[in-house]
Amino acid sequence: MIYLGTELTEFILLGFRTSPDVQIFLFLFFLLIYMVIVVGNISMIIVIKIDSRLHTPMYFFLRNLSYLDLCYSTVIAPKTLATFLSTDKKISYNGCATQFFFFALCVGTEGFLLAVMAYDRFSAICSPFLYTVHMSQQACIRLVFGSYICGGINSMVQTGFTFSLRFCGENRLDHFFCDVPALIKISCADTSVNEIVLYILSALIIITTTTVIVVSYAYILSTVLKIPSTHGRGKTFSTCSSHITVVSLFYGTVFFMYAQPGAISSPQKSKIIAVFYTFIIPMLNPLIYSLRNREVKHAVKRILLRKLSFH
């Protein structure tokens, strides 16, 4: 254990404490998931970039969602994979702070971006004649930029409060990456303020973004129910089904992880939930949007046929 005066200069990520054989299995399992994350999200970004028919606000936001999923899983995955195979599970103090900052930035931004995507669907379905005005290129860029600003403020506050704590004795983090609950647990200072800040920020983000999402979908549902034909209702609402699935997965895990006190006192529970939103959700998002979205599937087919025709 290395000290700087009375302060630690490094942490040890305990990760998943299992036998060496299970560690190898977990390494292969998480490596496979990470490869699917990289391939899936990069493919989604490329497809949206190449196919001009997908150059619409909805797919502009979806491309940014893929960027975020790729980024925050990449912030976590390499170090996690390395700890499975190495006996050296150390991460420097600055490395830990940097990892948490970018993770919190990406996750916070994704929450706001999902709210923006709900507003986009509201504008498209409830105000179709004003859609191009409400969702102009400049407006879309501002909405994405605003999401990053909000995510950045959350990240700076969380990182500032968490890493202003004193860590003087215990340096073993019972987690596979640097996250607030695990860091609070090993601090030798009074953490009550930090826990309050964690809950308040999480609650603010969840309440504000879910309010936008719920209100948007309430108006969407009201509009869809006014459509006389069953086929028309199904076709209109199908454009929202992928987003609803992604929102449910994301907010469900974030709520259970950060917006309730039990998360900090239950490290095993925290690790299981963290696996879900750091690996599983970034893997599922491109699959959900590609398998359940007719336009994306058609775009993939067009790109493949174009490449085959060249040969």
C-alpha atoms as a PDB file:
ATOM      1  CA  MET A   1       0.000   0.000   0.000  1.00  0.00           C
ATOM      2  CA  ILE A   2       1.509   3.339  -1.082  1.00  0.00           C
ATOM      3  CA  TYR A   3       0.848   6.605   0.748  1.00  0.00           C
ATOM      4  CA  LEU A   4       1.363  10.271   0.023  1.00  0.00           C
ATOM      5  CA  GLY A   5       1.479  11.615   3.564  1.00  0.00           C
ATOM      6  CA  THR A   6      -1.755  10.120   4.865  1.00  0.00           C
ATOM      7  CA  GLU A   7      -3.359   9.875   1.412  1.00  0.00           C
ATOM      8  CA  LEU A   8      -3.393   6.919  -0.969  1.00  0.00           C
ATOM      9  CA  THR A   9      -1.829   7.182  -4.418  1.00  0.00           C
ATOM     10  CA  GLU A  10      -3.352   3.983  -5.789  1.00  0.00           C
ATOM     11  CA  PHE A  11      -6.290   1.614  -5.394  1.00  0.00           C
ATOM     12  CA  ILE A  12      -6.665  -2.133  -5.849  1.00  0.00           C
ATOM     13  CA  LEU A  13      -9.683  -3.258  -7.880  1.00  0.00           C
ATOM     14  CA  LEU A  14     -10.844  -6.517  -6.291  1.00  0.00           C
ATOM     15  CA  GLY A  15     -13.282  -7.152  -9.139  1.00  0.00           C
ATOM     16  CA  PHE A  16     -14.890 -10.593  -9.132  1.00  0.00           C
ATOM     17  CA  ARG A  17     -13.241 -12.703  -6.457  1.00  0.00           C
ATOM     18  CA  THR A  18     -13.334 -16.204  -7.922  1.00  0.00           C
ATOM     19  CA  SER A  19     -10.964 -19.073  -8.716  1.00  0.00           C
ATOM     20  CA  PRO A  20      -8.364 -18.668 -11.532  1.00  0.00           C
ATOM     21  CA  ASP A  21     -10.365 -20.968 -13.834  1.00  0.00           C
ATOM     22  CA  VAL A  22     -13.487 -18.865 -13.414  1.00  0.00           C
ATOM     23  CA  GLN A  23     -11.400 -15.702 -13.965  1.00  0.00           C
ATOM     24  CA  ILE A  24     -10.332 -17.041 -17.385  1.00  0.00           C
ATOM     25  CA  PHE A  25     -13.955 -17.860 -18.235  1.00  0.00           C
ATOM     26  CA  LEU A  26     -15.047 -14.355 -17.151  1.00  0.00           C
ATOM     27  CA  PHE A  27     -12.249 -12.817 -19.223  1.00  0.00           C
ATOM     28  CA  LEU A  28     -13.440 -14.651 -22.355  1.00  0.00           C
ATOM     29  CA  PHE A  29     -17.077 -13.850 -21.585  1.00  0.00           C
ATOM     30  CA  PHE A  30     -16.481 -10.115 -21.102  1.00  0.00           C
ATOM     31  CA  LEU A  31     -14.069  -9.984 -24.057  1.00  0.00           C
ATOM     32  CA  LEU A  32     -16.782 -11.447 -26.296  1.00  0.00           C
ATOM     33  CA  ILE A  33     -19.326  -8.930 -25.018  1.00  0.00           C
ATOM     34  CA  TYR A  34     -16.891  -6.040 -25.533  1.00  0.00           C
ATOM     35  CA  MET A  35     -16.155  -7.182 -29.093  1.00  0.00           C
ATOM     36  CA  VAL A  36     -19.908  -7.235 -29.814  1.00  0.00           C
ATOM     37  CA  ILE A  37     -20.176  -3.727 -28.298  1.00  0.00           C
ATOM     38  CA  VAL A  38     -17.384  -2.380 -30.514  1.00  0.00           C
ATOM     39  CA  VAL A  39     -18.581  -4.069 -33.708  1.00  0.00           C
ATOM     40  CA  GLY A  40     -22.266  -3.310 -33.088  1.00  0.00           C
ATOM     41  CA  ASN A  41     -21.879   0.375 -32.234  1.00  0.00           C
ATOM     42  CA  ILE A  42     -19.252   1.123 -34.886  1.00  0.00           C
ATOM     43  CA  SER A  43     -21.448  -0.644 -37.469  1.00  0.00           C
ATOM     44  CA  MET A  44     -24.429   1.473 -36.412  1.00  0.00           C
ATOM     45  CA  ILE A  45     -22.345   4.668 -36.697  1.00  0.00           C
ATOM     46  CA  ILE A  46     -21.046   3.679 -40.160  1.00  0.00           C
ATOM     47  CA  VAL A  47     -24.476   2.623 -41.485  1.00  0.00           C
ATOM     48  CA  ILE A  48     -26.061   5.914 -40.378  1.00  0.00           C
ATOM     49  CA  LYS A  49     -23.141   7.885 -41.822  1.00  0.00           C
ATOM     50  CA  ILE A  50     -23.136   6.105 -45.207  1.00  0.00           C
ATOM     51  CA  ASP A  51     -26.869   5.803 -45.937  1.00  0.00           C
ATOM     52  CA  SER A  52     -28.308   9.204 -46.875  1.00  0.00           C
ATOM     53  CA  ARG A  53     -31.850   8.018 -46.056  1.00  0.00           C
ATOM     54  CA  LEU A  54     -30.832   7.837 -42.410  1.00  0.00           C
ATOM     55  CA  HIS A  55     -29.653  11.459 -42.332  1.00  0.00           C
ATOM     56  CA  THR A  56     -32.595  12.496 -40.158  1.00  0.00           C
ATOM     57  CA  PRO A  57     -32.760  13.863 -36.598  1.00  0.00           C
ATOM     58  CA  MET A  58     -33.757  10.482 -35.104  1.00  0.00           C
ATOM     59  CA  TYR A  59     -30.707   8.759 -36.558  1.00  0.00           C
ATOM     60  CA  PHE A  60     -28.452  11.700 -35.749  1.00  0.00           C
ATOM     61  CA  PHE A  61     -29.369  11.157 -32.086  1.00  0.00           C
ATOM     62  CA  LEU A  62     -29.019   7.387 -32.466  1.00  0.00           C
ATOM     63  CA  ARG A  63     -25.510   7.830 -33.872  1.00  0.00           C
ATOM     64  CA  ASN A  64     -24.583   9.895 -30.820  1.00  0.00           C
ATOM     65  CA  LEU A  65     -26.085   7.206 -28.584  1.00  0.00           C
ATOM     66  CA  SER A  66     -23.771   4.672 -30.250  1.00  0.00           C
ATOM     67  CA  TYR A  67     -20.790   6.996 -29.649  1.00  0.00           C
ATOM     68  CA  LEU A  68     -21.657   7.201 -25.953  1.00  0.00           C
ATOM     69  CA  ASP A  69     -22.202   3.441 -25.567  1.00  0.00           C
ATOM     70  CA  LEU A  70     -18.880   2.781 -27.262  1.00  0.00           C
ATOM     71  CA  CYS A  71     -17.063   5.397 -25.171  1.00  0.00           C
ATOM     72  CA  TYR A  72     -18.262   4.505 -21.701  1.00  0.00           C
ATOM     73  CA  SER A  73     -17.828   0.765 -22.212  1.00  0.00           C
ATOM     74  CA  THR A  74     -14.299   1.465 -23.491  1.00  0.00           C
ATOM     75  CA  VAL A  75     -13.566   3.522 -20.372  1.00  0.00           C
ATOM     76  CA  ILE A  76     -14.345   0.430 -18.253  1.00  0.00           C
ATOM     77  CA  ALA A  77     -13.638  -2.693 -20.341  1.00  0.00           C
ATOM     78  CA  PRO A  78      -9.829  -2.650 -20.951  1.00  0.00           C
ATOM     79  CA  LYS A  79      -8.934  -2.329 -17.251  1.00  0.00           C
ATOM     80  CA  THR A  80     -11.607  -4.853 -16.265  1.00  0.00           C
ATOM     81  CA  LEU A  81     -10.312  -7.387 -18.797  1.00  0.00           C
ATOM     82  CA  ALA A  82      -6.725  -6.839 -17.633  1.00  0.00           C
ATOM     83  CA  THR A  83      -7.609  -7.549 -13.985  1.00  0.00           C
ATOM     84  CA  PHE A  84      -8.994 -10.979 -14.915  1.00  0.00           C
ATOM     85  CA  LEU A  85      -5.609 -12.174 -16.176  1.00  0.00           C
ATOM     86  CA  SER A  86      -3.205 -10.213 -13.992  1.00  0.00           C
ATOM     87  CA  THR A  87      -2.294 -10.435 -10.338  1.00  0.00           C
ATOM     88  CA  ASP A  88      -1.587  -6.691 -10.462  1.00  0.00           C
ATOM     89  CA  LYS A  89      -5.048  -5.175 -10.013  1.00  0.00           C
ATOM     90  CA  LYS A  90      -3.783  -1.703  -9.147  1.00  0.00           C
ATOM     91  CA  ILE A  91      -5.070   1.553 -10.585  1.00  0.00           C
ATOM     92  CA  SER A  92      -3.461   4.891  -9.751  1.00  0.00           C
ATOM     93  CA  TYR A  93      -5.386   7.576  -7.868  1.00  0.00           C
ATOM     94  CA  ASN A  94      -5.344   9.865 -10.920  1.00  0.00           C
ATOM     95  CA  GLY A  95      -6.234   6.951 -13.195  1.00  0.00           C
ATOM     96  CA  CYS A  96      -9.192   6.116 -10.968  1.00  0.00           C
ATOM     97  CA  ALA A  97     -10.407   9.735 -10.977  1.00  0.00           C
ATOM     98  CA  THR A  98     -10.025   9.938 -14.777  1.00  0.00           C
ATOM     99  CA  GLN A  99     -11.886   6.662 -15.319  1.00  0.00           C
ATOM    100  CA  PHE A 100     -14.759   7.774 -13.113  1.00  0.00           C
ATOM    101  CA  PHE A 101     -14.936  11.255 -14.679  1.00  0.00           C
ATOM    102  CA  PHE A 102     -15.351   9.950 -18.238  1.00  0.00           C
ATOM    103  CA  PHE A 103     -17.697   7.182 -17.137  1.00  0.00           C
ATOM    104  CA  ALA A 104     -19.953   9.653 -15.286  1.00  0.00           C
ATOM    105  CA  LEU A 105     -19.766  12.054 -18.254  1.00  0.00           C
ATOM    106  CA  CYS A 106     -20.931   9.410 -20.745  1.00  0.00           C
ATOM    107  CA  VAL A 107     -23.637   7.881 -18.533  1.00  0.00           C
ATOM    108  CA  GLY A 108     -25.044  11.280 -17.518  1.00  0.00           C
ATOM    109  CA  THR A 109     -25.022  12.482 -21.125  1.00  0.00           C
ATOM    110  CA  GLU A 110     -26.794   9.305 -22.269  1.00  0.00           C
ATOM    111  CA  GLY A 111     -29.605   9.931 -19.797  1.00  0.00           C
ATOM    112  CA  PHE A 112     -30.210  13.412 -21.211  1.00  0.00           C
ATOM    113  CA  LEU A 113     -29.822  12.175 -24.802  1.00  0.00           C
ATOM    114  CA  LEU A 114     -32.542   9.550 -24.257  1.00  0.00           C
ATOM    115  CA  ALA A 115     -34.843  12.375 -23.113  1.00  0.00           C
ATOM    116  CA  VAL A 116     -33.953  14.343 -26.257  1.00  0.00           C
ATOM    117  CA  MET A 117     -34.780  11.286 -28.379  1.00  0.00           C
ATOM    118  CA  ALA A 118     -38.214  11.059 -26.705  1.00  0.00           C
ATOM    119  CA  TYR A 119     -38.827  14.741 -27.499  1.00  0.00           C
ATOM    120  CA  ASP A 120     -37.792  14.042 -31.098  1.00  0.00           C
ATOM    121  CA  ARG A 121     -40.443  11.273 -31.379  1.00  0.00           C
ATOM    122  CA  PHE A 122     -43.004  13.617 -29.780  1.00  0.00           C
ATOM    123  CA  SER A 123     -42.247  16.321 -32.364  1.00  0.00           C
ATOM    124  CA  ALA A 124     -42.365  13.861 -35.280  1.00  0.00           C
ATOM    125  CA  ILE A 125     -45.683  12.245 -34.274  1.00  0.00           C
ATOM    126  CA  CYS A 126     -47.575  15.076 -32.566  1.00  0.00           C
ATOM    127  CA  SER A 127     -46.383  18.028 -34.676  1.00  0.00           C
ATOM    128  CA  PRO A 128     -45.385  16.521 -38.054  1.00  0.00           C
ATOM    129  CA  PHE A 129     -45.875  19.761 -40.003  1.00  0.00           C
ATOM    130  CA  LEU A 130     -43.559  21.688 -37.656  1.00  0.00           C
ATOM    131  CA  TYR A 131     -41.076  18.828 -37.249  1.00  0.00           C
ATOM    132  CA  THR A 132     -38.452  20.242 -39.619  1.00  0.00           C
ATOM    133  CA  VAL A 133     -38.647  23.570 -37.754  1.00  0.00           C
ATOM    134  CA  HIS A 134     -38.436  22.056 -34.260  1.00  0.00           C
ATOM    135  CA  MET A 135     -35.726  19.603 -35.285  1.00  0.00           C
ATOM    136  CA  SER A 136     -33.556  21.614 -37.644  1.00  0.00           C
ATOM    137  CA  GLN A 137     -29.885  20.697 -37.937  1.00  0.00           C
ATOM    138  CA  GLN A 138     -28.927  23.568 -35.624  1.00  0.00           C
ATOM    139  CA  ALA A 139     -31.565  22.540 -33.078  1.00  0.00           C
ATOM    140  CA  CYS A 140     -30.353  18.919 -33.096  1.00  0.00           C
ATOM    141  CA  ILE A 141     -26.742  19.992 -32.576  1.00  0.00           C
ATOM    142  CA  ARG A 142     -27.783  22.283 -29.711  1.00  0.00           C
ATOM    143  CA  LEU A 143     -29.781  19.488 -28.050  1.00  0.00           C
ATOM    144  CA  VAL A 144     -26.851  17.059 -28.254  1.00  0.00           C
ATOM    145  CA  PHE A 145     -24.404  19.732 -27.070  1.00  0.00           C
ATOM    146  CA  GLY A 146     -26.754  20.557 -24.168  1.00  0.00           C
ATOM    147  CA  SER A 147     -26.842  16.866 -23.220  1.00  0.00           C
ATOM    148  CA  TYR A 148     -23.044  16.808 -23.051  1.00  0.00           C
ATOM    149  CA  ILE A 149     -23.001  20.013 -20.996  1.00  0.00           C
ATOM    150  CA  CYS A 150     -25.464  18.566 -18.465  1.00  0.00           C
ATOM    151  CA  GLY A 151     -23.555  15.284 -18.363  1.00  0.00           C
ATOM    152  CA  GLY A 152     -20.301  17.213 -17.905  1.00  0.00           C
ATOM    153  CA  ILE A 153     -21.659  19.247 -14.989  1.00  0.00           C
ATOM    154  CA  ASN A 154     -22.864  16.061 -13.291  1.00  0.00           C
ATOM    155  CA  SER A 155     -19.495  14.416 -13.865  1.00  0.00           C
ATOM    156  CA  MET A 156     -17.474  17.363 -12.542  1.00  0.00           C
ATOM    157  CA  VAL A 157     -19.604  17.644  -9.387  1.00  0.00           C
ATOM    158  CA  GLN A 158     -19.536  13.892  -8.720  1.00  0.00           C
ATOM    159  CA  THR A 159     -15.786  13.609  -9.381  1.00  0.00           C
ATOM    160  CA  GLY A 160     -14.993  16.715  -7.329  1.00  0.00           C
ATOM    161  CA  PHE A 161     -16.985  15.580  -4.301  1.00  0.00           C
ATOM    162  CA  THR A 162     -15.844  11.944  -4.453  1.00  0.00           C
ATOM    163  CA  PHE A 163     -12.127  12.593  -4.871  1.00  0.00           C
ATOM    164  CA  SER A 164     -12.070  15.341  -2.247  1.00  0.00           C
ATOM    165  CA  LEU A 165     -12.659  12.549   0.292  1.00  0.00           C
ATOM    166  CA  ARG A 166      -9.700  11.226   2.304  1.00  0.00           C
ATOM    167  CA  PHE A 167      -8.569   7.659   1.626  1.00  0.00           C
ATOM    168  CA  CYS A 168      -6.024   6.868   4.293  1.00  0.00           C
ATOM    169  CA  GLY A 169      -6.076   3.207   5.259  1.00  0.00           C
ATOM    170  CA  GLU A 170      -8.030   0.801   3.080  1.00  0.00           C
ATOM    171  CA  ASN A 171      -7.233   0.960  -0.641  1.00  0.00           C
ATOM    172  CA  ARG A 172      -9.100  -2.141  -1.863  1.00  0.00           C
ATOM    173  CA  LEU A 173     -12.153  -1.271  -3.956  1.00  0.00           C
ATOM    174  CA  ASP A 174     -14.718  -4.052  -3.934  1.00  0.00           C
ATOM    175  CA  HIS A 175     -15.635  -3.381  -7.548  1.00  0.00           C
ATOM    176  CA  PHE A 176     -14.289  -3.892 -11.072  1.00  0.00           C
ATOM    177  CA  PHE A 177     -14.009  -0.151 -11.795  1.00  0.00           C
ATOM    178  CA  CYS A 178     -13.873   3.151  -9.906  1.00  0.00           C
ATOM    179  CA  ASP A 179     -17.452   3.987  -8.953  1.00  0.00           C
ATOM    180  CA  VAL A 180     -18.892   6.252  -6.267  1.00  0.00           C
ATOM    181  CA  PRO A 181     -20.498   3.645  -3.946  1.00  0.00           C
ATOM    182  CA  ALA A 182     -17.281   1.584  -3.736  1.00  0.00           C
ATOM    183  CA  LEU A 183     -15.122   4.680  -3.178  1.00  0.00           C
ATOM    184  CA  ILE A 184     -17.429   6.071  -0.487  1.00  0.00           C
ATOM    185  CA  LYS A 185     -17.329   2.741   1.322  1.00  0.00           C
ATOM    186  CA  ILE A 186     -13.531   2.811   1.859  1.00  0.00           C
ATOM    187  CA  SER A 187     -13.155   6.505   2.696  1.00  0.00           C
ATOM    188  CA  CYS A 188     -11.908   7.332   6.185  1.00  0.00           C
ATOM    189  CA  ALA A 189     -13.836  10.643   6.230  1.00  0.00           C
ATOM    190  CA  ASP A 190     -17.485  11.462   6.908  1.00  0.00           C
ATOM    191  CA  THR A 191     -19.268  10.554   3.663  1.00  0.00           C
ATOM    192  CA  SER A 192     -22.806  11.672   4.558  1.00  0.00           C
ATOM    193  CA  VAL A 193     -22.572  14.796   2.368  1.00  0.00           C
ATOM    194  CA  ASN A 194     -21.262  12.763  -0.562  1.00  0.00           C
ATOM    195  CA  GLU A 195     -24.085  10.236  -0.231  1.00  0.00           C
ATOM    196  CA  ILE A 196     -26.648  13.061  -0.148  1.00  0.00           C
ATOM    197  CA  VAL A 197     -25.062  14.660  -3.242  1.00  0.00           C
ATOM    198  CA  LEU A 198     -25.103  11.279  -5.017  1.00  0.00           C
ATOM    199  CA  TYR A 199     -28.804  10.769  -4.316  1.00  0.00           C
ATOM    200  CA  ILE A 200     -29.770  14.373  -5.139  1.00  0.00           C
ATOM    201  CA  LEU A 201     -27.890  14.423  -8.456  1.00  0.00           C
ATOM    202  CA  SER A 202     -29.194  10.983  -9.424  1.00  0.00           C
ATOM    203  CA  ALA A 203     -32.732  11.984  -8.467  1.00  0.00           C
ATOM    204  CA  LEU A 204     -32.501  15.285 -10.381  1.00  0.00           C
ATOM    205  CA  ILE A 205     -31.258  13.585 -13.537  1.00  0.00           C
ATOM    206  CA  ILE A 206     -33.779  10.738 -13.307  1.00  0.00           C
ATOM    207  CA  ILE A 207     -36.737  13.007 -12.460  1.00  0.00           C
ATOM    208  CA  THR A 208     -36.021  15.683 -15.092  1.00  0.00           C
ATOM    209  CA  THR A 209     -35.252  13.277 -17.925  1.00  0.00           C
ATOM    210  CA  THR A 210     -38.016  10.780 -17.121  1.00  0.00           C
ATOM    211  CA  THR A 211     -40.506  13.661 -16.871  1.00  0.00           C
ATOM    212  CA  VAL A 212     -39.608  14.697 -20.427  1.00  0.00           C
ATOM    213  CA  ILE A 213     -39.859  11.063 -21.567  1.00  0.00           C
ATOM    214  CA  VAL A 214     -43.184  10.324 -19.803  1.00  0.00           C
ATOM    215  CA  VAL A 215     -44.837  13.576 -20.930  1.00  0.00           C
ATOM    216  CA  SER A 216     -43.604  13.044 -24.508  1.00  0.00           C
ATOM    217  CA  TYR A 217     -44.978   9.509 -24.624  1.00  0.00           C
ATOM    218  CA  ALA A 218     -48.268  10.572 -22.992  1.00  0.00           C
ATOM    219  CA  TYR A 219     -48.821  12.998 -25.884  1.00  0.00           C
ATOM    220  CA  ILE A 220     -47.626  10.381 -28.393  1.00  0.00           C
ATOM    221  CA  LEU A 221     -50.043   7.790 -27.004  1.00  0.00           C
ATOM    222  CA  SER A 222     -52.903  10.293 -27.109  1.00  0.00           C
ATOM    223  CA  THR A 223     -52.107  11.109 -30.750  1.00  0.00           C
ATOM    224  CA  VAL A 224     -51.671   7.460 -31.772  1.00  0.00           C
ATOM    225  CA  LEU A 225     -55.033   6.455 -30.233  1.00  0.00           C
ATOM    226  CA  LYS A 226     -56.750   9.043 -32.434  1.00  0.00           C
ATOM    227  CA  ILE A 227     -55.537   7.265 -35.590  1.00  0.00           C
ATOM    228  CA  PRO A 228     -58.558   5.317 -36.911  1.00  0.00           C
ATOM    229  CA  SER A 229     -56.829   2.250 -38.392  1.00  0.00           C
ATOM    230  CA  THR A 230     -55.089  -0.432 -36.309  1.00  0.00           C
ATOM    231  CA  HIS A 231     -52.344  -0.693 -38.944  1.00  0.00           C
ATOM    232  CA  GLY A 232     -51.742   3.070 -38.773  1.00  0.00           C
ATOM    233  CA  ARG A 233     -51.516   3.008 -34.982  1.00  0.00           C
ATOM    234  CA  GLY A 234     -49.093   0.081 -35.025  1.00  0.00           C
ATOM    235  CA  LYS A 235     -46.911   1.625 -37.733  1.00  0.00           C
ATOM    236  CA  THR A 236     -46.721   4.992 -35.954  1.00  0.00           C
ATOM    237  CA  PHE A 237     -45.973   3.554 -32.517  1.00  0.00           C
ATOM    238  CA  SER A 238     -43.411   1.074 -33.921  1.00  0.00           C
ATOM    239  CA  THR A 239     -40.995   3.988 -34.437  1.00  0.00           C
ATOM    240  CA  CYS A 240     -40.960   4.390 -30.628  1.00  0.00           C
ATOM    241  CA  SER A 241     -40.715   0.746 -29.509  1.00  0.00           C
ATOM    242  CA  SER A 242     -36.912   0.526 -29.718  1.00  0.00           C
ATOM    243  CA  HIS A 243     -36.495   3.751 -27.759  1.00  0.00           C
ATOM    244  CA  ILE A 244     -38.933   2.605 -25.052  1.00  0.00           C
ATOM    245  CA  THR A 245     -36.975  -0.653 -24.649  1.00  0.00           C
ATOM    246  CA  VAL A 246     -33.629   1.167 -24.373  1.00  0.00           C
ATOM    247  CA  VAL A 247     -35.049   3.720 -21.898  1.00  0.00           C
ATOM    248  CA  SER A 248     -36.487   0.956 -19.687  1.00  0.00           C
ATOM    249  CA  LEU A 249     -33.165  -0.913 -19.569  1.00  0.00           C
ATOM    250  CA  PHE A 250     -31.065   2.202 -18.914  1.00  0.00           C
ATOM    251  CA  TYR A 251     -33.198   3.929 -16.289  1.00  0.00           C
ATOM    252  CA  GLY A 252     -34.060   0.684 -14.523  1.00  0.00           C
ATOM    253  CA  THR A 253     -30.402  -0.109 -13.844  1.00  0.00           C
ATOM    254  CA  VAL A 254     -29.402   3.496 -13.040  1.00  0.00           C
ATOM    255  CA  PHE A 255     -32.243   3.766 -10.530  1.00  0.00           C
ATOM    256  CA  PHE A 256     -31.316   0.541  -8.737  1.00  0.00           C
ATOM    257  CA  MET A 257     -27.631   1.491  -8.735  1.00  0.00           C
ATOM    258  CA  TYR A 258     -27.612   5.132  -7.618  1.00  0.00           C
ATOM    259  CA  ALA A 259     -31.051   6.318  -6.526  1.00  0.00           C
ATOM    260  CA  GLN A 260     -31.489   4.065  -3.500  1.00  0.00           C
ATOM    261  CA  PRO A 261     -29.356   3.796  -0.330  1.00  0.00           C
ATOM    262  CA  GLY A 262     -28.982  -0.007  -0.462  1.00  0.00           C
ATOM    263  CA  ALA A 263     -26.629   0.230  -3.441  1.00  0.00           C
ATOM    264  CA  ILE A 264     -23.743   1.451  -1.315  1.00  0.00           C
ATOM    265  CA  SER A 265     -24.132  -1.238   1.374  1.00  0.00           C
ATOM    266  CA  SER A 266     -24.368  -4.123  -1.110  1.00  0.00           C
ATOM    267  CA  PRO A 267     -21.168  -4.443  -3.204  1.00  0.00           C
ATOM    268  CA  GLN A 268     -22.189  -7.741  -4.818  1.00  0.00           C
ATOM    269  CA  LYS A 269     -25.490  -6.272  -5.933  1.00  0.00           C
ATOM    270  CA  SER A 270     -23.670  -3.174  -7.197  1.00  0.00           C
ATOM    271  CA  LYS A 271     -21.290  -5.273  -9.303  1.00  0.00           C
ATOM    272  CA  ILE A 272     -24.072  -7.284 -10.913  1.00  0.00           C
ATOM    273  CA  ILE A 273     -26.068  -4.157 -11.792  1.00  0.00           C
ATOM    274  CA  ALA A 274     -22.880  -2.405 -12.971  1.00  0.00           C
ATOM    275  CA  VAL A 275     -22.136  -5.279 -15.380  1.00  0.00           C
ATOM    276  CA  PHE A 276     -25.576  -4.752 -16.835  1.00  0.00           C
ATOM    277  CA  TYR A 277     -25.162  -1.054 -17.656  1.00  0.00           C
ATOM    278  CA  THR A 278     -21.430  -1.073 -18.479  1.00  0.00           C
ATOM    279  CA  PHE A 279     -21.453  -4.146 -20.734  1.00  0.00           C
ATOM    280  CA  ILE A 280     -24.923  -5.543 -21.423  1.00  0.00           C
ATOM    281  CA  ILE A 281     -26.804  -2.332 -22.310  1.00  0.00           C
ATOM    282  CA  PRO A 282     -24.093  -0.995 -24.699  1.00  0.00           C
ATOM    283  CA  MET A 283     -24.170  -4.420 -26.364  1.00  0.00           C
ATOM    284  CA  LEU A 284     -27.982  -4.569 -26.597  1.00  0.00           C
ATOM    285  CA  ASN A 285     -28.657  -0.999 -27.805  1.00  0.00           C
ATOM    286  CA  PRO A 286     -27.366  -1.418 -31.399  1.00  0.00           C
ATOM    287  CA  LEU A 287     -29.023  -4.864 -31.580  1.00  0.00           C
ATOM    288  CA  ILE A 288     -32.360  -3.424 -30.433  1.00  0.00           C
ATOM    289  CA  TYR A 289     -32.197  -0.550 -32.905  1.00  0.00           C
ATOM    290  CA  SER A 290     -31.075  -2.752 -35.807  1.00  0.00           C
ATOM    291  CA  LEU A 291     -33.285  -5.816 -35.267  1.00  0.00           C
ATOM    292  CA  ARG A 292     -36.430  -3.847 -34.383  1.00  0.00           C
ATOM    293  CA  ASN A 293     -35.966  -1.005 -36.872  1.00  0.00           C
ATOM    294  CA  ARG A 294     -37.038  -1.596 -40.463  1.00  0.00           C
ATOM    295  CA  GLU A 295     -35.168   1.435 -41.850  1.00  0.00           C
ATOM    296  CA  VAL A 296     -31.845   0.318 -40.328  1.00  0.00           C
ATOM    297  CA  LYS A 297     -32.312  -3.227 -41.668  1.00  0.00           C
ATOM    298  CA  HIS A 298     -33.094  -1.875 -45.135  1.00  0.00           C
ATOM    299  CA  ALA A 299     -30.064   0.430 -44.949  1.00  0.00           C
ATOM    300  CA  VAL A 300     -27.799  -2.520 -44.087  1.00  0.00           C
ATOM    301  CA  LYS A 301     -29.229  -4.493 -47.029  1.00  0.00           C
ATOM    302  CA  ARG A 302     -28.663  -1.563 -49.415  1.00  0.00           C
ATOM    303  CA  ILE A 303     -25.048  -1.178 -48.280  1.00  0.00           C
ATOM    304  CA  LEU A 304     -24.372  -4.932 -48.629  1.00  0.00           C
ATOM    305  CA  LEU A 305     -26.013  -5.076 -52.101  1.00  0.00           C
ATOM    306  CA  ARG A 306     -23.989  -2.048 -53.173  1.00  0.00           C
ATOM    307  CA  LYS A 307     -20.752  -3.719 -52.085  1.00  0.00           C
ATOM    308  CA  LEU A 308     -21.697  -6.996 -53.784  1.00  0.00           C
ATOM    309  CA  SER A 309     -22.545  -5.176 -57.022  1.00  0.00           C
ATOM    310  CA  PHE A 310     -19.039  -3.653 -57.060  1.00  0.00           C
ATOM    311  CA  HIS A 311     -17.570  -7.159 -56.979  1.00  0.00           C
END
